PDB file of all heavy atoms in Angstrom:
ATOM      1  N   GLU A   1       0.887  -1.176   0.036  1.00  0.00           N
ATOM      2  CA  GLU A   1       0.018   0.018   0.016  1.00  0.00           C
ATOM      3  C   GLU A   1       0.933   1.210  -0.018  1.00  0.00           C
ATOM      4  O   GLU A   1       1.626   1.377   0.968  1.00  0.00           O
ATOM      5  CB  GLU A   1      -0.929  -0.018   1.181  1.00  0.00           C
ATOM      6  CG  GLU A   1      -1.768   1.327   1.313  1.00  0.00           C
ATOM      7  CD  GLU A   1      -2.416   1.396   2.695  1.00  0.00           C
ATOM      8  OE1 GLU A   1      -2.654   0.431   3.346  1.00  0.00           O
ATOM      9  OE2 GLU A   1      -2.738   2.563   3.124  1.00  0.00           O
ATOM     10  N   VAL A   2       0.856   1.984  -1.060  1.00  0.00           N
ATOM     11  CA  VAL A   2       1.633   3.283  -1.161  1.00  0.00           C
ATOM     12  C   VAL A   2       0.868   4.231  -0.337  1.00  0.00           C
ATOM     13  O   VAL A   2      -0.145   4.789  -0.750  1.00  0.00           O
ATOM     14  CB  VAL A   2       1.869   3.676  -2.670  1.00  0.00           C
ATOM     15  CG1 VAL A   2       2.629   4.988  -2.676  1.00  0.00           C
ATOM     16  CG2 VAL A   2       2.582   2.600  -3.419  1.00  0.00           C
ATOM     17  N   TYR A   3       1.394   4.591   0.866  1.00  0.00           N
ATOM     18  CA  TYR A   3       0.709   5.343   1.797  1.00  0.00           C
ATOM     19  C   TYR A   3       0.915   6.836   1.531  1.00  0.00           C
ATOM     20  O   TYR A   3       0.043   7.727   1.768  1.00  0.00           O
ATOM     21  CB  TYR A   3       1.126   5.009   3.236  1.00  0.00           C
ATOM     22  CG  TYR A   3       0.413   5.793   4.253  1.00  0.00           C
ATOM     23  CD1 TYR A   3      -1.002   5.654   4.515  1.00  0.00           C
ATOM     24  CD2 TYR A   3       1.079   6.658   5.101  1.00  0.00           C
ATOM     25  CE1 TYR A   3      -1.663   6.339   5.472  1.00  0.00           C
ATOM     26  CE2 TYR A   3       0.415   7.357   6.060  1.00  0.00           C
ATOM     27  CZ  TYR A   3      -0.964   7.231   6.278  1.00  0.00           C
ATOM     28  OH  TYR A   3      -1.650   7.957   7.202  1.00  0.00           O
ATOM     29  N   SER A   4       2.140   7.223   1.211  1.00  0.00           N
ATOM     30  CA  SER A   4       2.511   8.598   0.801  1.00  0.00           C
ATOM     31  C   SER A   4       3.655   8.497  -0.164  1.00  0.00           C
ATOM     32  O   SER A   4       4.118   7.515  -0.556  1.00  0.00           O
ATOM     33  CB  SER A   4       2.793   9.377   2.075  1.00  0.00           C
ATOM     34  OG  SER A   4       4.002   8.893   2.650  1.00  0.00           O
ATOM     35  N   ILE A   5       4.155   9.669  -0.511  1.00  0.00           N
ATOM     36  CA  ILE A   5       5.309   9.783  -1.470  1.00  0.00           C
ATOM     37  C   ILE A   5       6.557   9.066  -0.837  1.00  0.00           C
ATOM     38  O   ILE A   5       7.325   8.617  -1.652  1.00  0.00           O
ATOM     39  CB  ILE A   5       5.630  11.297  -1.789  1.00  0.00           C
ATOM     40  CG1 ILE A   5       6.591  11.389  -2.942  1.00  0.00           C
ATOM     41  CG2 ILE A   5       6.181  12.008  -0.562  1.00  0.00           C
ATOM     42  CD1 ILE A   5       6.795  12.740  -3.513  1.00  0.00           C
ATOM     43  N   ASP A   6       6.699   8.935   0.441  1.00  0.00           N
ATOM     44  CA  ASP A   6       7.836   8.319   0.934  1.00  0.00           C
ATOM     45  C   ASP A   6       7.656   7.193   1.950  1.00  0.00           C
ATOM     46  O   ASP A   6       8.484   6.748   2.662  1.00  0.00           O
ATOM     47  CB  ASP A   6       8.735   9.350   1.723  1.00  0.00           C
ATOM     48  CG  ASP A   6       7.984  10.035   2.891  1.00  0.00           C
ATOM     49  OD1 ASP A   6       6.732   9.912   2.959  1.00  0.00           O
ATOM     50  OD2 ASP A   6       8.679  10.620   3.727  1.00  0.00           O
ATOM     51  N   GLU A   7       6.390   6.667   1.914  1.00  0.00           N
ATOM     52  CA  GLU A   7       5.982   5.623   2.871  1.00  0.00           C
ATOM     53  C   GLU A   7       5.190   4.499   2.117  1.00  0.00           C
ATOM     54  O   GLU A   7       4.397   4.798   1.250  1.00  0.00           O
ATOM     55  CB  GLU A   7       5.181   6.097   3.998  1.00  0.00           C
ATOM     56  CG  GLU A   7       5.859   7.013   5.060  1.00  0.00           C
ATOM     57  CD  GLU A   7       4.912   7.492   6.061  1.00  0.00           C
ATOM     58  OE1 GLU A   7       4.110   8.296   5.828  1.00  0.00           O
ATOM     59  OE2 GLU A   7       4.960   6.906   7.213  1.00  0.00           O
ATOM     60  N   ALA A   8       5.357   3.298   2.547  1.00  0.00           N
ATOM     61  CA  ALA A   8       4.600   2.158   2.015  1.00  0.00           C
ATOM     62  C   ALA A   8       4.426   1.041   3.055  1.00  0.00           C
ATOM     63  O   ALA A   8       5.368   0.721   3.758  1.00  0.00           O
ATOM     64  CB  ALA A   8       5.203   1.607   0.724  1.00  0.00           C
ATOM     65  N   PHE A   9       3.281   0.457   3.107  1.00  0.00           N
ATOM     66  CA  PHE A   9       3.048  -0.749   3.946  1.00  0.00           C
ATOM     67  C   PHE A   9       3.143  -1.927   3.042  1.00  0.00           C
ATOM     68  O   PHE A   9       2.739  -1.971   1.890  1.00  0.00           O
ATOM     69  CB  PHE A   9       1.623  -0.745   4.524  1.00  0.00           C
ATOM     70  CG  PHE A   9       1.388   0.312   5.618  1.00  0.00           C
ATOM     71  CD1 PHE A   9       0.734   1.450   5.329  1.00  0.00           C
ATOM     72  CD2 PHE A   9       1.908   0.064   6.874  1.00  0.00           C
ATOM     73  CE1 PHE A   9       0.530   2.452   6.312  1.00  0.00           C
ATOM     74  CE2 PHE A   9       1.683   1.033   7.899  1.00  0.00           C
ATOM     75  CZ  PHE A   9       0.960   2.160   7.615  1.00  0.00           C
ATOM     76  N   MET A  10       3.872  -2.999   3.596  1.00  0.00           N
ATOM     77  CA  MET A  10       3.968  -4.274   2.837  1.00  0.00           C
ATOM     78  C   MET A  10       3.610  -5.409   3.681  1.00  0.00           C
ATOM     79  O   MET A  10       3.930  -5.493   4.859  1.00  0.00           O
ATOM     80  CB  MET A  10       5.460  -4.383   2.453  1.00  0.00           C
ATOM     81  CG  MET A  10       5.727  -5.590   1.629  1.00  0.00           C
ATOM     82  SD  MET A  10       7.561  -5.894   1.335  1.00  0.00           S
ATOM     83  CE  MET A  10       7.839  -4.551   0.163  1.00  0.00           C
ATOM     84  N   ASP A  11       2.949  -6.308   3.095  1.00  0.00           N
ATOM     85  CA  ASP A  11       2.500  -7.573   3.767  1.00  0.00           C
ATOM     86  C   ASP A  11       3.640  -8.613   3.730  1.00  0.00           C
ATOM     87  O   ASP A  11       4.096  -8.968   2.606  1.00  0.00           O
ATOM     88  CB  ASP A  11       1.240  -8.208   3.067  1.00  0.00           C
ATOM     89  CG  ASP A  11       0.623  -9.303   3.892  1.00  0.00           C
ATOM     90  OD1 ASP A  11       1.351  -9.824   4.820  1.00  0.00           O
ATOM     91  OD2 ASP A  11      -0.508  -9.691   3.648  1.00  0.00           O
ATOM     92  N   LEU A  12       4.187  -9.004   4.860  1.00  0.00           N
ATOM     93  CA  LEU A  12       5.209  -9.923   4.929  1.00  0.00           C
ATOM     94  C   LEU A  12       4.800 -11.204   5.597  1.00  0.00           C
ATOM     95  O   LEU A  12       5.641 -11.950   6.058  1.00  0.00           O
ATOM     96  CB  LEU A  12       6.454  -9.390   5.725  1.00  0.00           C
ATOM     97  CG  LEU A  12       7.166  -8.177   5.184  1.00  0.00           C
ATOM     98  CD1 LEU A  12       8.280  -7.672   6.088  1.00  0.00           C
ATOM     99  CD2 LEU A  12       7.622  -8.408   3.737  1.00  0.00           C
ATOM    100  N   SER A  13       3.503 -11.497   5.527  1.00  0.00           N
ATOM    101  CA  SER A  13       2.970 -12.666   6.209  1.00  0.00           C
ATOM    102  C   SER A  13       3.441 -14.066   5.587  1.00  0.00           C
ATOM    103  O   SER A  13       3.401 -15.029   6.288  1.00  0.00           O
ATOM    104  CB  SER A  13       1.432 -12.671   6.216  1.00  0.00           C
ATOM    105  OG  SER A  13       0.935 -11.461   6.908  1.00  0.00           O
ATOM    106  N   ASN A  14       3.889 -13.964   4.332  1.00  0.00           N
ATOM    107  CA  ASN A  14       4.368 -15.219   3.721  1.00  0.00           C
ATOM    108  C   ASN A  14       5.716 -15.522   4.236  1.00  0.00           C
ATOM    109  O   ASN A  14       6.312 -16.629   3.842  1.00  0.00           O
ATOM    110  CB  ASN A  14       4.375 -14.980   2.215  1.00  0.00           C
ATOM    111  CG  ASN A  14       5.215 -13.784   1.770  1.00  0.00           C
ATOM    112  OD1 ASN A  14       5.132 -12.742   2.342  1.00  0.00           O
ATOM    113  ND2 ASN A  14       6.040 -13.972   0.666  1.00  0.00           N
ATOM    114  N   PHE A  15       6.407 -14.721   5.062  1.00  0.00           N
ATOM    115  CA  PHE A  15       7.706 -15.140   5.624  1.00  0.00           C
ATOM    116  C   PHE A  15       7.505 -15.542   7.033  1.00  0.00           C
ATOM    117  O   PHE A  15       6.563 -15.124   7.767  1.00  0.00           O
ATOM    118  CB  PHE A  15       8.643 -13.900   5.552  1.00  0.00           C
ATOM    119  CG  PHE A  15       9.013 -13.440   4.232  1.00  0.00           C
ATOM    120  CD1 PHE A  15       8.404 -12.320   3.708  1.00  0.00           C
ATOM    121  CD2 PHE A  15       9.991 -14.048   3.451  1.00  0.00           C
ATOM    122  CE1 PHE A  15       8.750 -11.884   2.410  1.00  0.00           C
ATOM    123  CE2 PHE A  15      10.321 -13.676   2.177  1.00  0.00           C
ATOM    124  CZ  PHE A  15       9.638 -12.486   1.691  1.00  0.00           C
ATOM    125  N   SER A  16       8.329 -16.500   7.461  1.00  0.00           N
ATOM    126  CA  SER A  16       8.226 -17.116   8.868  1.00  0.00           C
ATOM    127  C   SER A  16       8.677 -15.964   9.871  1.00  0.00           C
ATOM    128  O   SER A  16       9.382 -15.116   9.520  1.00  0.00           O
ATOM    129  CB  SER A  16       9.040 -18.302   8.990  1.00  0.00           C
ATOM    130  OG  SER A  16      10.411 -18.032   9.023  1.00  0.00           O
ATOM    131  N   ASP A  17       8.236 -16.166  11.105  1.00  0.00           N
ATOM    132  CA  ASP A  17       8.592 -15.331  12.222  1.00  0.00           C
ATOM    133  C   ASP A  17      10.058 -15.168  12.376  1.00  0.00           C
ATOM    134  O   ASP A  17      10.655 -14.105  12.629  1.00  0.00           O
ATOM    135  CB  ASP A  17       8.023 -15.804  13.531  1.00  0.00           C
ATOM    136  CG  ASP A  17       6.438 -15.729  13.548  1.00  0.00           C
ATOM    137  OD1 ASP A  17       5.880 -15.390  12.416  1.00  0.00           O
ATOM    138  OD2 ASP A  17       5.877 -15.989  14.544  1.00  0.00           O
ATOM    139  N   ASP A  18      10.790 -16.269  12.063  1.00  0.00           N
ATOM    140  CA  ASP A  18      12.266 -16.309  12.290  1.00  0.00           C
ATOM    141  C   ASP A  18      13.083 -15.543  11.255  1.00  0.00           C
ATOM    142  O   ASP A  18      14.190 -15.052  11.586  1.00  0.00           O
ATOM    143  CB  ASP A  18      12.782 -17.731  12.407  1.00  0.00           C
ATOM    144  CG  ASP A  18      12.255 -18.481  13.591  1.00  0.00           C
ATOM    145  OD1 ASP A  18      11.937 -17.775  14.638  1.00  0.00           O
ATOM    146  OD2 ASP A  18      12.158 -19.746  13.627  1.00  0.00           O
ATOM    147  N   GLU A  19      12.503 -15.542  10.008  1.00  0.00           N
ATOM    148  CA  GLU A  19      13.239 -14.860   8.941  1.00  0.00           C
ATOM    149  C   GLU A  19      12.868 -13.464   8.542  1.00  0.00           C
ATOM    150  O   GLU A  19      13.520 -12.811   7.805  1.00  0.00           O
ATOM    151  CB  GLU A  19      13.116 -15.805   7.690  1.00  0.00           C
ATOM    152  CG  GLU A  19      11.768 -15.928   7.101  1.00  0.00           C
ATOM    153  CD  GLU A  19      11.644 -16.875   5.985  1.00  0.00           C
ATOM    154  OE1 GLU A  19      12.684 -17.209   5.375  1.00  0.00           O
ATOM    155  OE2 GLU A  19      10.531 -17.282   5.603  1.00  0.00           O
ATOM    156  N   VAL A  20      11.784 -12.955   9.212  1.00  0.00           N
ATOM    157  CA  VAL A  20      11.219 -11.642   8.846  1.00  0.00           C
ATOM    158  C   VAL A  20      12.234 -10.513   9.089  1.00  0.00           C
ATOM    159  O   VAL A  20      12.186  -9.571   8.306  1.00  0.00           O
ATOM    160  CB  VAL A  20       9.892 -11.429   9.508  1.00  0.00           C
ATOM    161  CG1 VAL A  20      10.112 -11.171  11.056  1.00  0.00           C
ATOM    162  CG2 VAL A  20       9.139 -10.256   8.850  1.00  0.00           C
ATOM    163  N   LEU A  21      13.026 -10.585  10.153  1.00  0.00           N
ATOM    164  CA  LEU A  21      13.966  -9.608  10.468  1.00  0.00           C
ATOM    165  C   LEU A  21      15.095  -9.434   9.336  1.00  0.00           C
ATOM    166  O   LEU A  21      15.393  -8.353   8.909  1.00  0.00           O
ATOM    167  CB  LEU A  21      14.693  -9.785  11.825  1.00  0.00           C
ATOM    168  CG  LEU A  21      15.783  -8.774  12.143  1.00  0.00           C
ATOM    169  CD1 LEU A  21      15.262  -7.355  12.315  1.00  0.00           C
ATOM    170  CD2 LEU A  21      16.386  -9.179  13.547  1.00  0.00           C
ATOM    171  N   ASN A  22      15.476 -10.605   8.881  1.00  0.00           N
ATOM    172  CA  ASN A  22      16.511 -10.671   7.812  1.00  0.00           C
ATOM    173  C   ASN A  22      15.905 -10.091   6.519  1.00  0.00           C
ATOM    174  O   ASN A  22      16.547  -9.465   5.766  1.00  0.00           O
ATOM    175  CB  ASN A  22      17.070 -12.109   7.614  1.00  0.00           C
ATOM    176  CG  ASN A  22      17.882 -12.542   8.789  1.00  0.00           C
ATOM    177  OD1 ASN A  22      18.540 -11.794   9.462  1.00  0.00           O
ATOM    178  ND2 ASN A  22      17.926 -13.887   8.948  1.00  0.00           N
ATOM    179  N   VAL A  23      14.617 -10.372   6.291  1.00  0.00           N
ATOM    180  CA  VAL A  23      13.964  -9.923   5.093  1.00  0.00           C
ATOM    181  C   VAL A  23      13.890  -8.398   5.116  1.00  0.00           C
ATOM    182  O   VAL A  23      14.131  -7.731   4.165  1.00  0.00           O
ATOM    183  CB  VAL A  23      12.488 -10.484   5.016  1.00  0.00           C
ATOM    184  CG1 VAL A  23      11.707  -9.785   3.870  1.00  0.00           C
ATOM    185  CG2 VAL A  23      12.511 -11.954   4.718  1.00  0.00           C
ATOM    186  N   GLY A  24      13.518  -7.865   6.361  1.00  0.00           N
ATOM    187  CA  GLY A  24      13.435  -6.319   6.520  1.00  0.00           C
ATOM    188  C   GLY A  24      14.887  -5.744   6.170  1.00  0.00           C
ATOM    189  O   GLY A  24      14.962  -4.653   5.580  1.00  0.00           O
ATOM    190  N   GLN A  25      15.913  -6.415   6.680  1.00  0.00           N
ATOM    191  CA  GLN A  25      17.301  -5.897   6.464  1.00  0.00           C
ATOM    192  C   GLN A  25      17.659  -5.907   4.919  1.00  0.00           C
ATOM    193  O   GLN A  25      18.300  -5.043   4.412  1.00  0.00           O
ATOM    194  CB  GLN A  25      18.289  -6.555   7.300  1.00  0.00           C
ATOM    195  CG  GLN A  25      18.193  -6.293   8.779  1.00  0.00           C
ATOM    196  CD  GLN A  25      18.916  -7.236   9.643  1.00  0.00           C
ATOM    197  OE1 GLN A  25      19.397  -8.346   9.298  1.00  0.00           O
ATOM    198  NE2 GLN A  25      19.217  -6.858  10.913  1.00  0.00           N
ATOM    199  N   GLU A  26      17.139  -7.014   4.331  1.00  0.00           N
ATOM    200  CA  GLU A  26      17.470  -7.190   2.856  1.00  0.00           C
ATOM    201  C   GLU A  26      16.724  -6.104   2.094  1.00  0.00           C
ATOM    202  O   GLU A  26      17.271  -5.569   1.074  1.00  0.00           O
ATOM    203  CB  GLU A  26      17.025  -8.536   2.394  1.00  0.00           C
ATOM    204  CG  GLU A  26      17.438  -8.821   0.981  1.00  0.00           C
ATOM    205  CD  GLU A  26      16.964 -10.156   0.520  1.00  0.00           C
ATOM    206  OE1 GLU A  26      16.508 -11.001   1.318  1.00  0.00           O
ATOM    207  OE2 GLU A  26      17.030 -10.443  -0.753  1.00  0.00           O
ATOM    208  N   ILE A  27      15.452  -5.799   2.458  1.00  0.00           N
ATOM    209  CA  ILE A  27      14.659  -4.779   1.739  1.00  0.00           C
ATOM    210  C   ILE A  27      15.338  -3.473   1.829  1.00  0.00           C
ATOM    211  O   ILE A  27      15.516  -2.750   0.909  1.00  0.00           O
ATOM    212  CB  ILE A  27      13.214  -4.706   2.363  1.00  0.00           C
ATOM    213  CG1 ILE A  27      12.416  -5.968   2.055  1.00  0.00           C
ATOM    214  CG2 ILE A  27      12.526  -3.465   1.843  1.00  0.00           C
ATOM    215  CD1 ILE A  27      11.072  -6.039   2.762  1.00  0.00           C
ATOM    216  N   ARG A  28      15.837  -3.150   3.071  1.00  0.00           N
ATOM    217  CA  ARG A  28      16.459  -1.834   3.317  1.00  0.00           C
ATOM    218  C   ARG A  28      17.759  -1.746   2.464  1.00  0.00           C
ATOM    219  O   ARG A  28      18.030  -0.708   1.800  1.00  0.00           O
ATOM    220  CB  ARG A  28      16.805  -1.697   4.780  1.00  0.00           C
ATOM    221  CG  ARG A  28      17.385  -0.352   5.155  1.00  0.00           C
ATOM    222  CD  ARG A  28      17.450  -0.234   6.695  1.00  0.00           C
ATOM    223  NE  ARG A  28      17.893   1.071   7.027  1.00  0.00           N
ATOM    224  CZ  ARG A  28      19.164   1.529   7.298  1.00  0.00           C
ATOM    225  NH1 ARG A  28      20.162   0.673   7.123  1.00  0.00           N
ATOM    226  NH2 ARG A  28      19.383   2.751   7.603  1.00  0.00           N
TER     227      ARG A  28
END
């Protein structure tokens, strides 16, 4: 969901609880 010009919400439910932090770091 593109919330504003510099913000977006993303659904990460397809990733497990254990790997979601690494996914966040990879996105960044």
